[in-house]
Amino acid sequence: MKKYISVFTIMVMIFLAACSNQNTSSTPTSNGNNTQSNSVTKLDEGVWPANEYTEGLPVAPGTVAWATLDTEHENCNINLTGISENDYNEYMELLNQEGFSVIENVSEEIEGENYVSIGTLLSNDEKWLSISYIPDSLTIYISFDNN
């Protein structure tokens, strides 16, 4: 239960981040503002990461804008662009076919922005996925179920 609450909290944080200002550039203005801990590795852009976290997951549609691997906190994050709501729904179906079950699903119409933000928490008893979708962007947070 503790793991469920912490994963759900992370999902909510990603969901809220997805709801933030859409006009903000994802390109850092300088390397000085782009500090990371030593445990976080930035993975290649444009390439679906191949690692223990993504093993067994269907490759999501779209283009990998950024991806990170955090060895200290034991997770992998992938952000994809060029995603439609139909792409999102098809990817959710692929995950279901691969044995993932929806634990929680939250959607919210973003006031003044004319779109719906969707946050979904899934598990297959081995991995937890927290997925945040807004038009043109999908972020996947992957961690192992350590119970």
N, C-alpha and C. Protein backbone atom coordinates (compact mmCIF):
# COMPACT_ATOMS: atom_id res chain seq x y z
N MET A 1 0.83 -1.19 0.00
CA MET A 1 0.00 0.00 0.00
C MET A 1 0.87 1.25 0.00
N LYS A 2 1.97 1.21 0.74
CA LYS A 2 2.88 2.35 0.80
C LYS A 2 3.45 2.64 -0.59
N LYS A 3 3.81 1.58 -1.32
CA LYS A 3 4.34 1.72 -2.68
C LYS A 3 3.28 2.34 -3.58
N TYR A 4 2.02 1.90 -3.46
CA TYR A 4 0.92 2.42 -4.26
C TYR A 4 0.78 3.91 -4.02
N ILE A 5 0.82 4.34 -2.78
CA ILE A 5 0.66 5.76 -2.45
C ILE A 5 1.81 6.58 -3.01
N SER A 6 3.05 6.08 -2.89
CA SER A 6 4.18 6.84 -3.41
C SER A 6 4.15 6.92 -4.93
N VAL A 7 3.78 5.84 -5.60
CA VAL A 7 3.68 5.87 -7.06
C VAL A 7 2.55 6.80 -7.48
N PHE A 8 1.43 6.74 -6.78
CA PHE A 8 0.32 7.63 -7.10
C PHE A 8 0.72 9.09 -6.90
N THR A 9 1.48 9.38 -5.85
CA THR A 9 1.95 10.75 -5.60
C THR A 9 2.83 11.22 -6.75
N ILE A 10 3.71 10.36 -7.23
CA ILE A 10 4.57 10.70 -8.36
C ILE A 10 3.72 10.95 -9.60
N MET A 11 2.70 10.10 -9.80
CA MET A 11 1.82 10.28 -10.95
C MET A 11 1.14 11.64 -10.89
N VAL A 12 0.68 12.04 -9.72
CA VAL A 12 0.03 13.33 -9.56
C VAL A 12 1.01 14.46 -9.86
N MET A 13 2.27 14.31 -9.41
CA MET A 13 3.27 15.34 -9.70
C MET A 13 3.51 15.46 -11.20
N ILE A 14 3.61 14.34 -11.91
CA ILE A 14 3.79 14.37 -13.36
C ILE A 14 2.56 14.96 -14.01
N PHE A 15 1.39 14.58 -13.52
CA PHE A 15 0.13 15.10 -14.05
C PHE A 15 0.08 16.61 -13.90
N LEU A 16 0.47 17.11 -12.73
CA LEU A 16 0.46 18.56 -12.52
C LEU A 16 1.51 19.26 -13.36
N ALA A 17 2.65 18.63 -13.55
CA ALA A 17 3.69 19.22 -14.40
C ALA A 17 3.20 19.31 -15.84
N ALA A 18 2.43 18.31 -16.26
CA ALA A 18 1.91 18.33 -17.62
C ALA A 18 0.89 19.45 -17.81
N CYS A 19 0.28 19.88 -16.72
CA CYS A 19 -0.72 20.93 -16.78
C CYS A 19 -0.10 22.32 -16.73
N SER A 20 1.20 22.40 -16.56
CA SER A 20 1.84 23.70 -16.45
C SER A 20 1.87 24.41 -17.78
N ASN A 21 2.43 25.58 -17.82
CA ASN A 21 2.46 26.45 -18.99
C ASN A 21 2.97 25.72 -20.22
N GLN A 22 2.14 25.60 -21.25
CA GLN A 22 2.49 24.91 -22.48
C GLN A 22 3.39 25.75 -23.37
N ASN A 23 3.54 27.04 -23.08
CA ASN A 23 4.36 27.91 -23.91
C ASN A 23 5.82 27.91 -23.48
N THR A 24 6.15 27.18 -22.45
CA THR A 24 7.52 27.12 -21.96
C THR A 24 8.34 26.20 -22.83
N SER A 25 9.49 26.65 -23.26
CA SER A 25 10.37 25.84 -24.09
C SER A 25 10.97 24.71 -23.27
N SER A 26 11.09 23.54 -23.89
CA SER A 26 11.71 22.41 -23.20
C SER A 26 13.23 22.42 -23.38
N THR A 27 13.74 23.36 -24.15
CA THR A 27 15.17 23.47 -24.37
C THR A 27 15.77 24.34 -23.29
N PRO A 28 16.76 23.84 -22.55
CA PRO A 28 17.37 24.64 -21.50
C PRO A 28 18.10 25.84 -22.10
N THR A 29 18.09 26.96 -21.36
CA THR A 29 18.74 28.17 -21.84
C THR A 29 20.24 28.11 -21.61
N SER A 30 20.69 27.35 -20.62
CA SER A 30 22.12 27.17 -20.40
C SER A 30 22.34 25.90 -19.60
N ASN A 31 23.53 25.36 -19.69
CA ASN A 31 23.84 24.14 -18.94
C ASN A 31 23.87 24.39 -17.44
N GLY A 32 24.13 25.62 -17.02
CA GLY A 32 24.18 25.95 -15.60
C GLY A 32 22.84 25.75 -14.92
N ASN A 33 21.75 25.90 -15.67
CA ASN A 33 20.41 25.71 -15.11
C ASN A 33 19.93 24.28 -15.26
N ASN A 34 20.72 23.44 -15.87
CA ASN A 34 20.31 22.08 -16.17
C ASN A 34 21.13 21.08 -15.33
N THR A 35 21.10 21.26 -14.02
CA THR A 35 21.90 20.38 -13.16
C THR A 35 21.11 19.11 -12.84
N GLN A 36 21.82 18.01 -12.77
CA GLN A 36 21.24 16.72 -12.43
C GLN A 36 22.12 16.06 -11.38
N SER A 37 21.50 15.18 -10.61
CA SER A 37 22.32 14.44 -9.66
C SER A 37 23.16 13.43 -10.43
N ASN A 38 24.18 12.89 -9.80
CA ASN A 38 25.05 11.92 -10.46
C ASN A 38 24.34 10.62 -10.78
N SER A 39 23.19 10.37 -10.14
CA SER A 39 22.48 9.12 -10.38
C SER A 39 21.58 9.19 -11.61
N VAL A 40 21.38 10.38 -12.17
CA VAL A 40 20.49 10.54 -13.31
C VAL A 40 21.31 10.60 -14.60
N THR A 41 20.96 9.73 -15.53
CA THR A 41 21.61 9.69 -16.83
C THR A 41 20.62 10.13 -17.89
N LYS A 42 20.99 11.13 -18.66
CA LYS A 42 20.15 11.56 -19.77
C LYS A 42 20.38 10.59 -20.92
N LEU A 43 19.30 10.02 -21.44
CA LEU A 43 19.39 9.05 -22.53
C LEU A 43 19.23 9.75 -23.87
N ASP A 44 19.51 9.03 -24.95
CA ASP A 44 19.48 9.61 -26.29
C ASP A 44 18.09 10.08 -26.69
N GLU A 45 18.04 11.28 -27.27
CA GLU A 45 16.79 11.79 -27.83
C GLU A 45 16.50 11.05 -29.13
N GLY A 46 15.21 10.93 -29.46
CA GLY A 46 14.83 10.33 -30.73
C GLY A 46 14.90 8.82 -30.77
N VAL A 47 15.34 8.18 -29.66
CA VAL A 47 15.50 6.73 -29.63
C VAL A 47 14.77 6.16 -28.41
N TRP A 48 13.88 5.18 -28.66
CA TRP A 48 13.21 4.52 -27.53
C TRP A 48 14.29 3.82 -26.70
N PRO A 49 14.38 4.11 -25.39
CA PRO A 49 15.44 3.51 -24.58
C PRO A 49 15.26 1.99 -24.43
N ALA A 50 16.37 1.30 -24.51
CA ALA A 50 16.37 -0.16 -24.30
C ALA A 50 17.11 -0.41 -22.99
N ASN A 51 16.36 -0.75 -21.93
CA ASN A 51 16.95 -1.04 -20.63
C ASN A 51 16.00 -1.94 -19.85
N GLU A 52 16.37 -2.28 -18.62
CA GLU A 52 15.55 -3.19 -17.82
C GLU A 52 14.16 -2.64 -17.53
N TYR A 53 14.01 -1.32 -17.53
CA TYR A 53 12.71 -0.71 -17.26
C TYR A 53 11.78 -0.81 -18.46
N THR A 54 12.31 -0.62 -19.66
CA THR A 54 11.47 -0.65 -20.87
C THR A 54 11.31 -2.05 -21.44
N GLU A 55 12.10 -3.01 -20.93
CA GLU A 55 12.00 -4.39 -21.41
C GLU A 55 10.58 -4.90 -21.21
N GLY A 56 9.99 -5.43 -22.28
CA GLY A 56 8.63 -5.97 -22.21
C GLY A 56 7.54 -4.94 -22.44
N LEU A 57 7.91 -3.67 -22.56
CA LEU A 57 6.91 -2.64 -22.84
C LEU A 57 6.80 -2.44 -24.35
N PRO A 58 5.58 -2.22 -24.85
CA PRO A 58 5.48 -1.87 -26.25
C PRO A 58 6.08 -0.48 -26.45
N VAL A 59 6.70 -0.26 -27.61
CA VAL A 59 7.27 1.04 -27.92
C VAL A 59 6.12 2.01 -28.18
N ALA A 60 6.15 3.12 -27.48
CA ALA A 60 5.08 4.11 -27.62
C ALA A 60 5.23 4.87 -28.94
N PRO A 61 4.11 5.33 -29.50
CA PRO A 61 4.19 6.12 -30.73
C PRO A 61 4.79 7.50 -30.44
N GLY A 62 5.18 8.19 -31.48
CA GLY A 62 5.72 9.53 -31.31
C GLY A 62 7.24 9.52 -31.34
N THR A 63 7.80 10.67 -31.01
CA THR A 63 9.25 10.87 -31.03
C THR A 63 9.74 11.11 -29.61
N VAL A 64 10.78 10.41 -29.21
CA VAL A 64 11.35 10.59 -27.88
C VAL A 64 12.00 11.98 -27.82
N ALA A 65 11.41 12.86 -27.02
CA ALA A 65 11.96 14.22 -26.85
C ALA A 65 13.08 14.21 -25.83
N TRP A 66 12.89 13.44 -24.75
CA TRP A 66 13.92 13.26 -23.73
C TRP A 66 13.61 11.99 -22.95
N ALA A 67 14.65 11.45 -22.34
CA ALA A 67 14.49 10.27 -21.49
C ALA A 67 15.62 10.29 -20.45
N THR A 68 15.30 9.83 -19.25
CA THR A 68 16.30 9.77 -18.18
C THR A 68 16.22 8.43 -17.47
N LEU A 69 17.35 8.04 -16.93
CA LEU A 69 17.45 6.85 -16.10
C LEU A 69 18.02 7.29 -14.77
N ASP A 70 17.29 7.04 -13.68
CA ASP A 70 17.71 7.46 -12.34
C ASP A 70 18.01 6.21 -11.52
N THR A 71 19.30 5.92 -11.36
CA THR A 71 19.69 4.70 -10.64
C THR A 71 19.47 4.81 -9.15
N GLU A 72 19.58 6.01 -8.60
CA GLU A 72 19.37 6.19 -7.16
C GLU A 72 17.92 5.96 -6.77
N HIS A 73 17.01 6.49 -7.55
CA HIS A 73 15.58 6.36 -7.25
C HIS A 73 14.92 5.24 -8.04
N GLU A 74 15.71 4.51 -8.81
CA GLU A 74 15.27 3.32 -9.53
C GLU A 74 14.05 3.57 -10.41
N ASN A 75 14.22 4.47 -11.40
CA ASN A 75 13.14 4.72 -12.34
C ASN A 75 13.69 5.18 -13.67
N CYS A 76 12.82 5.14 -14.66
CA CYS A 76 13.14 5.61 -16.00
C CYS A 76 11.97 6.49 -16.43
N ASN A 77 12.27 7.64 -17.04
CA ASN A 77 11.25 8.56 -17.51
C ASN A 77 11.45 8.80 -19.00
N ILE A 78 10.36 8.79 -19.74
CA ILE A 78 10.42 9.00 -21.18
C ILE A 78 9.34 10.01 -21.55
N ASN A 79 9.73 11.02 -22.32
CA ASN A 79 8.76 11.99 -22.84
C ASN A 79 8.75 11.90 -24.36
N LEU A 80 7.55 11.74 -24.91
CA LEU A 80 7.39 11.63 -26.35
C LEU A 80 6.51 12.77 -26.85
N THR A 81 6.81 13.24 -28.05
CA THR A 81 5.99 14.27 -28.68
C THR A 81 5.38 13.71 -29.96
N GLY A 82 4.43 14.45 -30.52
CA GLY A 82 3.76 13.99 -31.74
C GLY A 82 2.73 12.93 -31.45
N ILE A 83 2.10 13.01 -30.28
CA ILE A 83 1.13 12.01 -29.82
C ILE A 83 -0.28 12.60 -29.90
N SER A 84 -1.19 11.90 -30.56
CA SER A 84 -2.59 12.31 -30.58
C SER A 84 -3.35 11.56 -29.48
N GLU A 85 -4.56 11.99 -29.22
CA GLU A 85 -5.36 11.27 -28.21
C GLU A 85 -5.65 9.85 -28.69
N ASN A 86 -5.82 9.65 -29.97
CA ASN A 86 -6.02 8.32 -30.53
C ASN A 86 -4.77 7.45 -30.30
N ASP A 87 -3.58 8.05 -30.51
CA ASP A 87 -2.32 7.32 -30.23
C ASP A 87 -2.27 6.90 -28.76
N TYR A 88 -2.65 7.82 -27.87
CA TYR A 88 -2.65 7.53 -26.43
C TYR A 88 -3.58 6.35 -26.14
N ASN A 89 -4.80 6.39 -26.68
CA ASN A 89 -5.77 5.33 -26.43
C ASN A 89 -5.28 3.98 -26.98
N GLU A 90 -4.66 3.99 -28.16
CA GLU A 90 -4.11 2.76 -28.73
C GLU A 90 -2.96 2.22 -27.88
N TYR A 91 -2.12 3.11 -27.33
CA TYR A 91 -1.01 2.67 -26.49
C TYR A 91 -1.55 2.06 -25.18
N MET A 92 -2.60 2.66 -24.63
CA MET A 92 -3.21 2.09 -23.42
C MET A 92 -3.73 0.68 -23.70
N GLU A 93 -4.30 0.48 -24.88
CA GLU A 93 -4.79 -0.85 -25.26
C GLU A 93 -3.63 -1.84 -25.40
N LEU A 94 -2.52 -1.41 -26.00
CA LEU A 94 -1.33 -2.27 -26.11
C LEU A 94 -0.82 -2.67 -24.73
N LEU A 95 -0.77 -1.72 -23.81
CA LEU A 95 -0.32 -2.02 -22.45
C LEU A 95 -1.25 -3.03 -21.78
N ASN A 96 -2.55 -2.86 -22.01
CA ASN A 96 -3.52 -3.81 -21.46
C ASN A 96 -3.28 -5.21 -22.02
N GLN A 97 -2.99 -5.30 -23.31
CA GLN A 97 -2.71 -6.59 -23.95
C GLN A 97 -1.42 -7.21 -23.40
N GLU A 98 -0.49 -6.37 -22.94
CA GLU A 98 0.76 -6.86 -22.36
C GLU A 98 0.64 -7.18 -20.87
N GLY A 99 -0.58 -7.11 -20.33
CA GLY A 99 -0.81 -7.52 -18.95
C GLY A 99 -0.86 -6.40 -17.92
N PHE A 100 -0.83 -5.15 -18.37
CA PHE A 100 -0.93 -4.03 -17.44
C PHE A 100 -2.40 -3.72 -17.16
N SER A 101 -2.70 -3.45 -15.90
CA SER A 101 -4.05 -3.08 -15.48
C SER A 101 -4.04 -1.65 -14.98
N VAL A 102 -5.11 -0.94 -15.28
CA VAL A 102 -5.25 0.44 -14.81
C VAL A 102 -5.60 0.42 -13.33
N ILE A 103 -4.78 1.09 -12.53
CA ILE A 103 -5.02 1.21 -11.09
C ILE A 103 -5.83 2.48 -10.81
N GLU A 104 -5.47 3.54 -11.50
CA GLU A 104 -6.12 4.84 -11.32
C GLU A 104 -6.05 5.60 -12.64
N ASN A 105 -7.12 6.31 -12.96
CA ASN A 105 -7.16 7.13 -14.16
C ASN A 105 -7.83 8.46 -13.81
N VAL A 106 -7.15 9.55 -14.11
CA VAL A 106 -7.66 10.87 -13.79
C VAL A 106 -7.59 11.72 -15.04
N SER A 107 -8.66 12.44 -15.35
CA SER A 107 -8.62 13.38 -16.46
C SER A 107 -9.22 14.70 -16.00
N GLU A 108 -8.69 15.77 -16.57
CA GLU A 108 -9.13 17.10 -16.17
C GLU A 108 -9.06 18.04 -17.36
N GLU A 109 -10.17 18.75 -17.60
CA GLU A 109 -10.16 19.76 -18.64
C GLU A 109 -9.38 20.96 -18.11
N ILE A 110 -8.40 21.40 -18.89
CA ILE A 110 -7.55 22.50 -18.47
C ILE A 110 -8.22 23.81 -18.87
N GLU A 111 -8.61 24.55 -17.85
CA GLU A 111 -9.35 25.79 -18.05
C GLU A 111 -8.55 26.78 -18.89
N GLY A 112 -9.20 27.32 -19.90
CA GLY A 112 -8.58 28.33 -20.75
C GLY A 112 -7.63 27.77 -21.79
N GLU A 113 -7.37 26.48 -21.77
CA GLU A 113 -6.44 25.88 -22.72
C GLU A 113 -7.14 24.97 -23.74
N ASN A 114 -8.42 24.67 -23.52
CA ASN A 114 -9.23 23.90 -24.44
C ASN A 114 -8.67 22.50 -24.73
N TYR A 115 -8.19 21.81 -23.70
CA TYR A 115 -7.78 20.42 -23.85
C TYR A 115 -7.96 19.70 -22.52
N VAL A 116 -7.88 18.38 -22.58
CA VAL A 116 -8.00 17.53 -21.40
C VAL A 116 -6.65 16.89 -21.12
N SER A 117 -6.21 16.95 -19.87
CA SER A 117 -5.00 16.28 -19.41
C SER A 117 -5.41 14.97 -18.77
N ILE A 118 -4.67 13.90 -19.09
CA ILE A 118 -5.01 12.57 -18.59
C ILE A 118 -3.81 12.00 -17.83
N GLY A 119 -4.05 11.48 -16.65
CA GLY A 119 -3.02 10.79 -15.86
C GLY A 119 -3.48 9.38 -15.57
N THR A 120 -2.63 8.40 -15.83
CA THR A 120 -3.01 7.00 -15.65
C THR A 120 -1.90 6.25 -14.92
N LEU A 121 -2.28 5.51 -13.90
CA LEU A 121 -1.37 4.65 -13.15
C LEU A 121 -1.71 3.21 -13.49
N LEU A 122 -0.69 2.44 -13.92
CA LEU A 122 -0.88 1.05 -14.31
C LEU A 122 0.13 0.16 -13.61
N SER A 123 -0.18 -1.13 -13.52
CA SER A 123 0.75 -2.10 -12.94
C SER A 123 0.53 -3.46 -13.59
N ASN A 124 1.61 -4.24 -13.65
CA ASN A 124 1.49 -5.63 -14.10
C ASN A 124 2.07 -6.57 -13.03
N ASP A 125 2.12 -6.14 -11.79
CA ASP A 125 2.67 -6.86 -10.65
C ASP A 125 4.20 -6.95 -10.67
N GLU A 126 4.83 -6.45 -11.72
CA GLU A 126 6.28 -6.39 -11.80
C GLU A 126 6.74 -4.93 -11.91
N LYS A 127 6.01 -4.15 -12.70
CA LYS A 127 6.35 -2.75 -12.95
C LYS A 127 5.15 -1.86 -12.70
N TRP A 128 5.47 -0.63 -12.32
CA TRP A 128 4.49 0.44 -12.20
C TRP A 128 4.74 1.42 -13.34
N LEU A 129 3.68 1.86 -13.99
CA LEU A 129 3.76 2.90 -15.01
C LEU A 129 2.86 4.05 -14.60
N SER A 130 3.40 5.24 -14.64
CA SER A 130 2.61 6.44 -14.45
C SER A 130 2.70 7.21 -15.76
N ILE A 131 1.56 7.39 -16.41
CA ILE A 131 1.53 7.99 -17.74
C ILE A 131 0.71 9.27 -17.70
N SER A 132 1.30 10.31 -18.23
CA SER A 132 0.64 11.61 -18.31
C SER A 132 0.52 11.99 -19.78
N TYR A 133 -0.71 12.33 -20.19
CA TYR A 133 -0.94 12.73 -21.59
C TYR A 133 -1.58 14.11 -21.65
N ILE A 134 -1.02 14.95 -22.48
CA ILE A 134 -1.66 16.18 -22.93
C ILE A 134 -1.48 16.19 -24.44
N PRO A 135 -2.29 16.94 -25.17
CA PRO A 135 -2.15 16.92 -26.63
C PRO A 135 -0.69 17.13 -27.06
N ASP A 136 -0.21 16.22 -27.89
CA ASP A 136 1.12 16.24 -28.49
C ASP A 136 2.23 15.79 -27.54
N SER A 137 1.91 15.37 -26.31
CA SER A 137 2.97 15.00 -25.36
C SER A 137 2.51 13.86 -24.45
N LEU A 138 3.38 12.85 -24.32
CA LEU A 138 3.13 11.71 -23.45
C LEU A 138 4.38 11.50 -22.61
N THR A 139 4.22 11.44 -21.29
CA THR A 139 5.35 11.17 -20.40
C THR A 139 5.07 9.87 -19.66
N ILE A 140 6.07 8.99 -19.65
CA ILE A 140 5.95 7.68 -19.01
C ILE A 140 7.00 7.60 -17.90
N TYR A 141 6.55 7.32 -16.69
CA TYR A 141 7.43 7.08 -15.53
C TYR A 141 7.35 5.59 -15.25
N ILE A 142 8.50 4.90 -15.24
CA ILE A 142 8.54 3.45 -15.05
C ILE A 142 9.35 3.12 -13.81
N SER A 143 8.80 2.28 -12.94
CA SER A 143 9.55 1.79 -11.78
C SER A 143 9.16 0.34 -11.54
N PHE A 144 9.98 -0.34 -10.76
CA PHE A 144 9.69 -1.74 -10.44
C PHE A 144 8.86 -1.82 -9.17
N ASP A 145 8.00 -2.84 -9.11
CA ASP A 145 7.22 -3.10 -7.91
C ASP A 145 8.12 -3.88 -6.96
N ASN A 146 8.61 -3.22 -5.91
CA ASN A 146 9.57 -3.82 -4.99
C ASN A 146 8.95 -4.44 -3.76
N ASN A 147 7.66 -4.79 -3.81
CA ASN A 147 7.00 -5.41 -2.65
C ASN A 147 7.43 -6.82 -2.47
